[in-house]
Amino acid sequence: MLRFVCIAALFSVFTGGPLAVAAEENYVPALGDIMGNIQFRHIKLWFAGKRGNWELAAYELESIRTGLEQAATLYQGIPETYVGATVGPFKTINAAIRAKDASQFTKGFNEFTAACNACHQGIGRAFIVIQMPTISPFSDQSFAPPKKPQ
């Protein structure tokens, strides 16, 4: 049992959340943990889109949307207008992913990043500034689209 608890704790450190453990039915992740997870997905979304891995980009975009929804639901202090400001950029990114349009993807990504920063400023967290990633911390993941079997 101790080994399971240690593994669960280690998993929690790296993923921003615990394994599903029945003992914590009312677990509410810290807002910083939710946002940290969104930040990782923001990075992965960027690299997936830039490499043309549209399937991965769609997956990361949906994960970001779910994370923002979770944050807005669990933390009532986040003004709805800030979360709502991401809707337009999400639509732009989603359309770009479906069209496999790198230019529109970049436009939507930049708009989404600006909406994140506007929210941070609006809630008194202007010291948290998100930007376009330049180096991936995910050296163990390829962002290129998967090769088709021949």
Foldseek 3Di string as FASTA:
>chain_A
DVVVVVVQVVVCVVQLHGDDDPVCPPDQGDLVSLVVNLLLLLQLLLLLLVQLQLVSNVVSLVSNLVSLVSSVVVPVPQDPVLNVQLVVLSVQLVVCSVVSPSVSNVVSSVSNQVSVCVSCVVSVNNVDHDDHDDDRPPPVDDSHHDDDDD
